[in-house]
Amino acid sequence: MKTTECFDIECRQCPRLGAFLDSVKQKHPDYYARPVPSFGASDPELLIVGLAPGMHGANASGRPFTGDYAGILLYDTLFKFGYSNYPESKNAHDGLVLSRCRITNAVKCLPPDNKPTGVEVRQCNHYLAAEINGLSKQVVILALGSIAHQAVLRALGLKLSAFKFAHNVVHMIEPDRYLVDSYHCSRYNVNTRRLTVEMFHQVFTSIEKLQND
């Protein structure tokens, strides 16, 4: 399934988010300021699910985790583990290519204060559901943070209580389908060392083991 088949770049289903994007566009007319589509391979082995676009990151660039602090560790790690041709993502036209990997978000639009409401997460979930269900069950899903973890479970119609979020834990959520959890690679988590480079690399080592089994 192509990304365009399960995504509406003009979506306005969440009134608060739509109004916020309009106000951001007025203040920053050069920003992308629309729902941000997925980025990467059309037939990936790894699907990374983040929370939502950042104000001066994906909301500005139009590419997930591009232009903000959270993308520094993510893209460097993707390069280290052979998923990309460059160790950083500068802008949507920098020539970066992801292979075997795609990045998406639980919520496609920038939320005020980087905090989507529960209603907004659920409203946007049908896009994530369509994306996941359009991929092979052998695709490993990496959830960055507990909200992304819950969004994946909801997208697959699974009980949230059945699989508890924990860093570097591998969940067999369905036969031949795995969900791997990681703390989000946000500035706060990295600066407080809740998530270190070594911890994040260990998550990708776990993913490699699943893919090679």
C-alpha atoms as a PDB file:
ATOM      1  CA  MET A   1       0.000   0.000   0.000  1.00  0.00           C
ATOM      2  CA  LYS A   2       1.361   3.421  -0.865  1.00  0.00           C
ATOM      3  CA  THR A   3       1.376   6.112   1.801  1.00  0.00           C
ATOM      4  CA  THR A   4      -0.955   8.291  -0.264  1.00  0.00           C
ATOM      5  CA  GLU A   5      -3.632   5.601  -0.076  1.00  0.00           C
ATOM      6  CA  CYS A   6      -3.942   5.852   3.711  1.00  0.00           C
ATOM      7  CA  PHE A   7      -3.258   9.522   4.336  1.00  0.00           C
ATOM      8  CA  ASP A   8      -5.023  12.822   3.670  1.00  0.00           C
ATOM      9  CA  ILE A   9      -2.646  15.765   3.478  1.00  0.00           C
ATOM     10  CA  GLU A  10      -5.616  18.133   3.779  1.00  0.00           C
ATOM     11  CA  CYS A  11      -7.149  16.405   6.809  1.00  0.00           C
ATOM     12  CA  ARG A  12      -9.060  18.688   9.208  1.00  0.00           C
ATOM     13  CA  GLN A  13     -10.843  16.090  11.313  1.00  0.00           C
ATOM     14  CA  CYS A  14      -9.487  17.548  14.576  1.00  0.00           C
ATOM     15  CA  PRO A  15     -10.751  21.153  14.889  1.00  0.00           C
ATOM     16  CA  ARG A  16      -8.211  22.175  17.552  1.00  0.00           C
ATOM     17  CA  LEU A  17      -5.263  20.884  15.534  1.00  0.00           C
ATOM     18  CA  GLY A  18      -6.551  22.366  12.282  1.00  0.00           C
ATOM     19  CA  ALA A  19      -6.971  25.801  13.873  1.00  0.00           C
ATOM     20  CA  PHE A  20      -3.529  25.564  15.454  1.00  0.00           C
ATOM     21  CA  LEU A  21      -1.902  24.704  12.126  1.00  0.00           C
ATOM     22  CA  ASP A  22      -3.609  27.707  10.525  1.00  0.00           C
ATOM     23  CA  SER A  23      -2.257  30.020  13.239  1.00  0.00           C
ATOM     24  CA  VAL A  24       1.246  28.562  12.928  1.00  0.00           C
ATOM     25  CA  LYS A  25       1.165  29.054   9.155  1.00  0.00           C
ATOM     26  CA  GLN A  26       0.318  32.712   9.649  1.00  0.00           C
ATOM     27  CA  LYS A  27       3.275  33.187  11.988  1.00  0.00           C
ATOM     28  CA  HIS A  28       5.640  31.038   9.905  1.00  0.00           C
ATOM     29  CA  PRO A  29       4.496  31.229   6.259  1.00  0.00           C
ATOM     30  CA  ASP A  30       7.539  29.257   5.094  1.00  0.00           C
ATOM     31  CA  TYR A  31       6.688  26.291   7.340  1.00  0.00           C
ATOM     32  CA  TYR A  32       5.052  23.139   5.956  1.00  0.00           C
ATOM     33  CA  ALA A  33       2.316  23.385   8.642  1.00  0.00           C
ATOM     34  CA  ARG A  34       0.061  20.561   7.410  1.00  0.00           C
ATOM     35  CA  PRO A  35      -0.482  16.924   8.324  1.00  0.00           C
ATOM     36  CA  VAL A  36       2.920  15.253   7.893  1.00  0.00           C
ATOM     37  CA  PRO A  37       3.062  12.083   5.763  1.00  0.00           C
ATOM     38  CA  SER A  38       5.220   9.050   6.437  1.00  0.00           C
ATOM     39  CA  PHE A  39       8.758   8.950   5.111  1.00  0.00           C
ATOM     40  CA  GLY A  40      10.781   6.012   3.845  1.00  0.00           C
ATOM     41  CA  ALA A  41      10.525   2.704   2.051  1.00  0.00           C
ATOM     42  CA  SER A  42       7.170   1.676   0.587  1.00  0.00           C
ATOM     43  CA  ASP A  43       7.791  -1.961   1.564  1.00  0.00           C
ATOM     44  CA  PRO A  44       9.743  -1.660   4.830  1.00  0.00           C
ATOM     45  CA  GLU A  45      11.108  -4.254   7.233  1.00  0.00           C
ATOM     46  CA  LEU A  46      10.871  -1.735  10.075  1.00  0.00           C
ATOM     47  CA  LEU A  47       8.074   0.756  10.773  1.00  0.00           C
ATOM     48  CA  ILE A  48       8.962   3.429  13.330  1.00  0.00           C
ATOM     49  CA  VAL A  49       6.019   5.148  15.027  1.00  0.00           C
ATOM     50  CA  GLY A  50       6.622   8.450  16.790  1.00  0.00           C
ATOM     51  CA  LEU A  51       4.177  10.700  18.614  1.00  0.00           C
ATOM     52  CA  ALA A  52       3.527  13.803  16.487  1.00  0.00           C
ATOM     53  CA  PRO A  53       5.351  16.457  14.430  1.00  0.00           C
ATOM     54  CA  GLY A  54       7.432  18.997  16.372  1.00  0.00           C
ATOM     55  CA  MET A  55       6.862  22.728  15.943  1.00  0.00           C
ATOM     56  CA  HIS A  56      10.226  23.516  14.366  1.00  0.00           C
ATOM     57  CA  GLY A  57      10.899  19.989  13.158  1.00  0.00           C
ATOM     58  CA  ALA A  58       8.515  17.977  11.004  1.00  0.00           C
ATOM     59  CA  ASN A  59       5.906  20.733  11.125  1.00  0.00           C
ATOM     60  CA  ALA A  60       8.448  23.044   9.500  1.00  0.00           C
ATOM     61  CA  SER A  61      10.166  20.587   7.152  1.00  0.00           C
ATOM     62  CA  GLY A  62       7.316  18.245   6.207  1.00  0.00           C
ATOM     63  CA  ARG A  63       9.420  15.162   7.034  1.00  0.00           C
ATOM     64  CA  PRO A  64       9.154  13.169  10.292  1.00  0.00           C
ATOM     65  CA  PHE A  65      11.909  13.903  12.831  1.00  0.00           C
ATOM     66  CA  THR A  66      13.606  16.412  10.524  1.00  0.00           C
ATOM     67  CA  GLY A  67      14.767  19.762  11.836  1.00  0.00           C
ATOM     68  CA  ASP A  68      14.436  19.141  15.560  1.00  0.00           C
ATOM     69  CA  TYR A  69      16.507  17.577  18.325  1.00  0.00           C
ATOM     70  CA  ALA A  70      14.594  14.294  18.392  1.00  0.00           C
ATOM     71  CA  GLY A  71      15.811  13.432  14.910  1.00  0.00           C
ATOM     72  CA  ILE A  72      19.520  13.671  15.752  1.00  0.00           C
ATOM     73  CA  LEU A  73      19.778  10.359  17.589  1.00  0.00           C
ATOM     74  CA  LEU A  74      17.168   8.644  15.431  1.00  0.00           C
ATOM     75  CA  TYR A  75      18.751   9.331  12.059  1.00  0.00           C
ATOM     76  CA  ASP A  76      22.282   8.717  13.293  1.00  0.00           C
ATOM     77  CA  THR A  77      21.144   5.327  14.590  1.00  0.00           C
ATOM     78  CA  LEU A  78      19.331   4.481  11.364  1.00  0.00           C
ATOM     79  CA  PHE A  79      22.563   5.161   9.465  1.00  0.00           C
ATOM     80  CA  LYS A  80      24.612   3.071  11.893  1.00  0.00           C
ATOM     81  CA  PHE A  81      22.284   0.095  11.440  1.00  0.00           C
ATOM     82  CA  GLY A  82      22.134   0.361   7.656  1.00  0.00           C
ATOM     83  CA  TYR A  83      18.708   1.894   7.157  1.00  0.00           C
ATOM     84  CA  SER A  84      19.810   5.143   5.502  1.00  0.00           C
ATOM     85  CA  ASN A  85      22.424   6.711   3.262  1.00  0.00           C
ATOM     86  CA  TYR A  86      23.160   9.692   5.564  1.00  0.00           C
ATOM     87  CA  PRO A  87      23.531  10.004   9.360  1.00  0.00           C
ATOM     88  CA  GLU A  88      21.399  13.145   9.569  1.00  0.00           C
ATOM     89  CA  SER A  89      18.218  14.622   8.166  1.00  0.00           C
ATOM     90  CA  LYS A  90      18.560  18.327   7.397  1.00  0.00           C
ATOM     91  CA  ASN A  91      15.515  19.065   5.254  1.00  0.00           C
ATOM     92  CA  ALA A  92      13.056  17.385   2.927  1.00  0.00           C
ATOM     93  CA  HIS A  93      15.313  17.949  -0.100  1.00  0.00           C
ATOM     94  CA  ASP A  94      18.683  16.827   1.289  1.00  0.00           C
ATOM     95  CA  GLY A  95      18.915  13.545  -0.636  1.00  0.00           C
ATOM     96  CA  LEU A  96      18.373  11.334   2.400  1.00  0.00           C
ATOM     97  CA  VAL A  97      16.947   7.923   1.481  1.00  0.00           C
ATOM     98  CA  LEU A  98      15.686   5.294   3.899  1.00  0.00           C
ATOM     99  CA  SER A  99      15.965   1.654   2.895  1.00  0.00           C
ATOM    100  CA  ARG A 100      14.018  -1.140   4.603  1.00  0.00           C
ATOM    101  CA  CYS A 101      12.532   1.428   6.979  1.00  0.00           C
ATOM    102  CA  ARG A 102       9.632   3.879   7.178  1.00  0.00           C
ATOM    103  CA  ILE A 103       8.876   6.535   9.787  1.00  0.00           C
ATOM    104  CA  THR A 104       5.381   7.687  10.706  1.00  0.00           C
ATOM    105  CA  ASN A 105       3.571   9.282  13.656  1.00  0.00           C
ATOM    106  CA  ALA A 106       0.606   8.370  15.819  1.00  0.00           C
ATOM    107  CA  VAL A 107      -0.740  11.897  15.245  1.00  0.00           C
ATOM    108  CA  LYS A 108      -0.091  13.514  11.881  1.00  0.00           C
ATOM    109  CA  CYS A 109      -0.546  17.168  12.905  1.00  0.00           C
ATOM    110  CA  LEU A 110       1.417  19.433  15.222  1.00  0.00           C
ATOM    111  CA  PRO A 111      -0.382  19.628  18.607  1.00  0.00           C
ATOM    112  CA  PRO A 112      -0.152  22.666  20.895  1.00  0.00           C
ATOM    113  CA  ASP A 113       2.647  22.203  23.461  1.00  0.00           C
ATOM    114  CA  ASN A 114       3.486  18.889  21.752  1.00  0.00           C
ATOM    115  CA  LYS A 115       0.566  17.282  23.595  1.00  0.00           C
ATOM    116  CA  PRO A 116      -2.282  15.793  21.555  1.00  0.00           C
ATOM    117  CA  THR A 117      -5.453  14.991  23.446  1.00  0.00           C
ATOM    118  CA  GLY A 118      -6.678  11.427  23.786  1.00  0.00           C
ATOM    119  CA  VAL A 119      -9.525  12.253  21.438  1.00  0.00           C
ATOM    120  CA  GLU A 120      -7.067  13.497  18.804  1.00  0.00           C
ATOM    121  CA  VAL A 121      -4.885  10.411  19.109  1.00  0.00           C
ATOM    122  CA  ARG A 122      -7.917   8.200  18.592  1.00  0.00           C
ATOM    123  CA  GLN A 123      -9.282  10.339  15.742  1.00  0.00           C
ATOM    124  CA  CYS A 124      -6.005  10.010  13.844  1.00  0.00           C
ATOM    125  CA  ASN A 125      -5.642   6.307  14.540  1.00  0.00           C
ATOM    126  CA  HIS A 126      -7.413   5.155  11.386  1.00  0.00           C
ATOM    127  CA  TYR A 127      -4.509   6.476   9.316  1.00  0.00           C
ATOM    128  CA  LEU A 128      -2.030   4.439  11.343  1.00  0.00           C
ATOM    129  CA  ALA A 129      -4.301   1.402  11.159  1.00  0.00           C
ATOM    130  CA  ALA A 130      -4.492   1.640   7.369  1.00  0.00           C
ATOM    131  CA  GLU A 131      -0.730   1.998   7.126  1.00  0.00           C
ATOM    132  CA  ILE A 132       0.075  -0.959   9.377  1.00  0.00           C
ATOM    133  CA  ASN A 133      -2.545  -3.212   7.813  1.00  0.00           C
ATOM    134  CA  GLY A 134      -1.132  -2.427   4.390  1.00  0.00           C
ATOM    135  CA  LEU A 135       2.232  -3.931   5.371  1.00  0.00           C
ATOM    136  CA  SER A 136       3.432  -7.485   5.791  1.00  0.00           C
ATOM    137  CA  LYS A 137       3.073  -8.993   9.261  1.00  0.00           C
ATOM    138  CA  GLN A 138       6.813  -9.622   9.188  1.00  0.00           C
ATOM    139  CA  VAL A 139       7.434  -5.867   9.501  1.00  0.00           C
ATOM    140  CA  VAL A 140       8.798  -5.067  12.962  1.00  0.00           C
ATOM    141  CA  ILE A 141       7.061  -2.063  14.532  1.00  0.00           C
ATOM    142  CA  LEU A 142       9.098   0.234  16.787  1.00  0.00           C
ATOM    143  CA  ALA A 143       7.064   2.499  19.076  1.00  0.00           C
ATOM    144  CA  LEU A 144       8.839   5.582  20.382  1.00  0.00           C
ATOM    145  CA  GLY A 145       7.105   6.278  23.667  1.00  0.00           C
ATOM    146  CA  SER A 146       4.002   4.999  25.419  1.00  0.00           C
ATOM    147  CA  ILE A 147       1.471   6.984  23.362  1.00  0.00           C
ATOM    148  CA  ALA A 148       2.867   5.548  20.127  1.00  0.00           C
ATOM    149  CA  HIS A 149       2.834   2.098  21.757  1.00  0.00           C
ATOM    150  CA  GLN A 150      -0.846   2.439  22.626  1.00  0.00           C
ATOM    151  CA  ALA A 151      -1.666   3.854  19.199  1.00  0.00           C
ATOM    152  CA  VAL A 152      -0.191   0.778  17.519  1.00  0.00           C
ATOM    153  CA  LEU A 153      -2.205  -1.551  19.735  1.00  0.00           C
ATOM    154  CA  ARG A 154      -5.385   0.427  19.091  1.00  0.00           C
ATOM    155  CA  ALA A 155      -4.701   0.405  15.341  1.00  0.00           C
ATOM    156  CA  LEU A 156      -4.595  -3.387  15.443  1.00  0.00           C
ATOM    157  CA  GLY A 157      -7.681  -3.712  17.630  1.00  0.00           C
ATOM    158  CA  LEU A 158      -5.708  -5.079  20.583  1.00  0.00           C
ATOM    159  CA  LYS A 159      -6.322  -4.463  24.283  1.00  0.00           C
ATOM    160  CA  LEU A 160      -4.001  -1.815  25.696  1.00  0.00           C
ATOM    161  CA  SER A 161      -3.762  -3.710  28.985  1.00  0.00           C
ATOM    162  CA  ALA A 162      -2.457  -6.836  27.259  1.00  0.00           C
ATOM    163  CA  PHE A 163       0.937  -5.329  26.363  1.00  0.00           C
ATOM    164  CA  LYS A 164       2.583  -2.932  28.791  1.00  0.00           C
ATOM    165  CA  PHE A 165       5.043  -0.345  27.537  1.00  0.00           C
ATOM    166  CA  ALA A 166       8.643  -0.748  28.705  1.00  0.00           C
ATOM    167  CA  HIS A 167      11.937   0.228  27.155  1.00  0.00           C
ATOM    168  CA  ASN A 168      13.572  -2.369  24.887  1.00  0.00           C
ATOM    169  CA  VAL A 169      10.812  -4.893  25.443  1.00  0.00           C
ATOM    170  CA  VAL A 170       9.754  -7.085  22.524  1.00  0.00           C
ATOM    171  CA  HIS A 171       6.051  -7.950  22.324  1.00  0.00           C
ATOM    172  CA  MET A 172       4.663 -10.657  20.064  1.00  0.00           C
ATOM    173  CA  ILE A 173       1.370  -8.906  19.488  1.00  0.00           C
ATOM    174  CA  GLU A 174       0.125 -11.342  16.848  1.00  0.00           C
ATOM    175  CA  PRO A 175       1.591 -14.489  15.276  1.00  0.00           C
ATOM    176  CA  ASP A 176       4.687 -13.352  13.315  1.00  0.00           C
ATOM    177  CA  ARG A 177       4.094  -9.693  14.249  1.00  0.00           C
ATOM    178  CA  TYR A 178       6.350  -7.908  16.736  1.00  0.00           C
ATOM    179  CA  LEU A 179       6.156  -4.582  18.519  1.00  0.00           C
ATOM    180  CA  VAL A 180       9.327  -3.224  20.108  1.00  0.00           C
ATOM    181  CA  ASP A 181       9.242  -0.353  22.599  1.00  0.00           C
ATOM    182  CA  SER A 182      11.715   2.451  23.200  1.00  0.00           C
ATOM    183  CA  TYR A 183      11.707   5.623  25.188  1.00  0.00           C
ATOM    184  CA  HIS A 184      11.185   8.534  22.810  1.00  0.00           C
ATOM    185  CA  CYS A 185      14.402  10.123  21.521  1.00  0.00           C
ATOM    186  CA  SER A 186      13.285  13.573  22.660  1.00  0.00           C
ATOM    187  CA  ARG A 187      15.611  16.296  23.883  1.00  0.00           C
ATOM    188  CA  TYR A 188      14.310  15.841  27.433  1.00  0.00           C
ATOM    189  CA  ASN A 189      14.877  12.074  27.509  1.00  0.00           C
ATOM    190  CA  VAL A 190      18.343  12.344  25.994  1.00  0.00           C
ATOM    191  CA  ASN A 191      19.485  15.269  28.165  1.00  0.00           C
ATOM    192  CA  THR A 192      18.247  13.604  31.361  1.00  0.00           C
ATOM    193  CA  ARG A 193      19.835  10.327  30.209  1.00  0.00           C
ATOM    194  CA  ARG A 194      16.577   8.481  30.548  1.00  0.00           C
ATOM    195  CA  LEU A 195      17.560   7.393  27.045  1.00  0.00           C
ATOM    196  CA  THR A 196      21.255   7.078  26.198  1.00  0.00           C
ATOM    197  CA  VAL A 197      22.845   6.354  22.835  1.00  0.00           C
ATOM    198  CA  GLU A 198      23.776   2.887  24.073  1.00  0.00           C
ATOM    199  CA  MET A 199      20.212   2.185  25.222  1.00  0.00           C
ATOM    200  CA  PHE A 200      18.813   3.249  21.859  1.00  0.00           C
ATOM    201  CA  HIS A 201      21.325   1.126  19.975  1.00  0.00           C
ATOM    202  CA  GLN A 202      20.347  -1.856  22.116  1.00  0.00           C
ATOM    203  CA  VAL A 203      16.774  -1.467  20.862  1.00  0.00           C
ATOM    204  CA  PHE A 204      17.959  -1.691  17.271  1.00  0.00           C
ATOM    205  CA  THR A 205      20.093  -4.718  18.133  1.00  0.00           C
ATOM    206  CA  SER A 206      16.905  -6.366  19.431  1.00  0.00           C
ATOM    207  CA  ILE A 207      15.194  -5.497  16.150  1.00  0.00           C
ATOM    208  CA  GLU A 208      18.071  -6.985  14.156  1.00  0.00           C
ATOM    209  CA  LYS A 209      17.719 -10.259  16.061  1.00  0.00           C
ATOM    210  CA  LEU A 210      14.019 -10.430  15.240  1.00  0.00           C
ATOM    211  CA  GLN A 211      14.675  -9.763  11.565  1.00  0.00           C
ATOM    212  CA  ASN A 212      17.429 -12.362  11.364  1.00  0.00           C
ATOM    213  CA  ASP A 213      15.584 -15.179  13.143  1.00  0.00           C
END
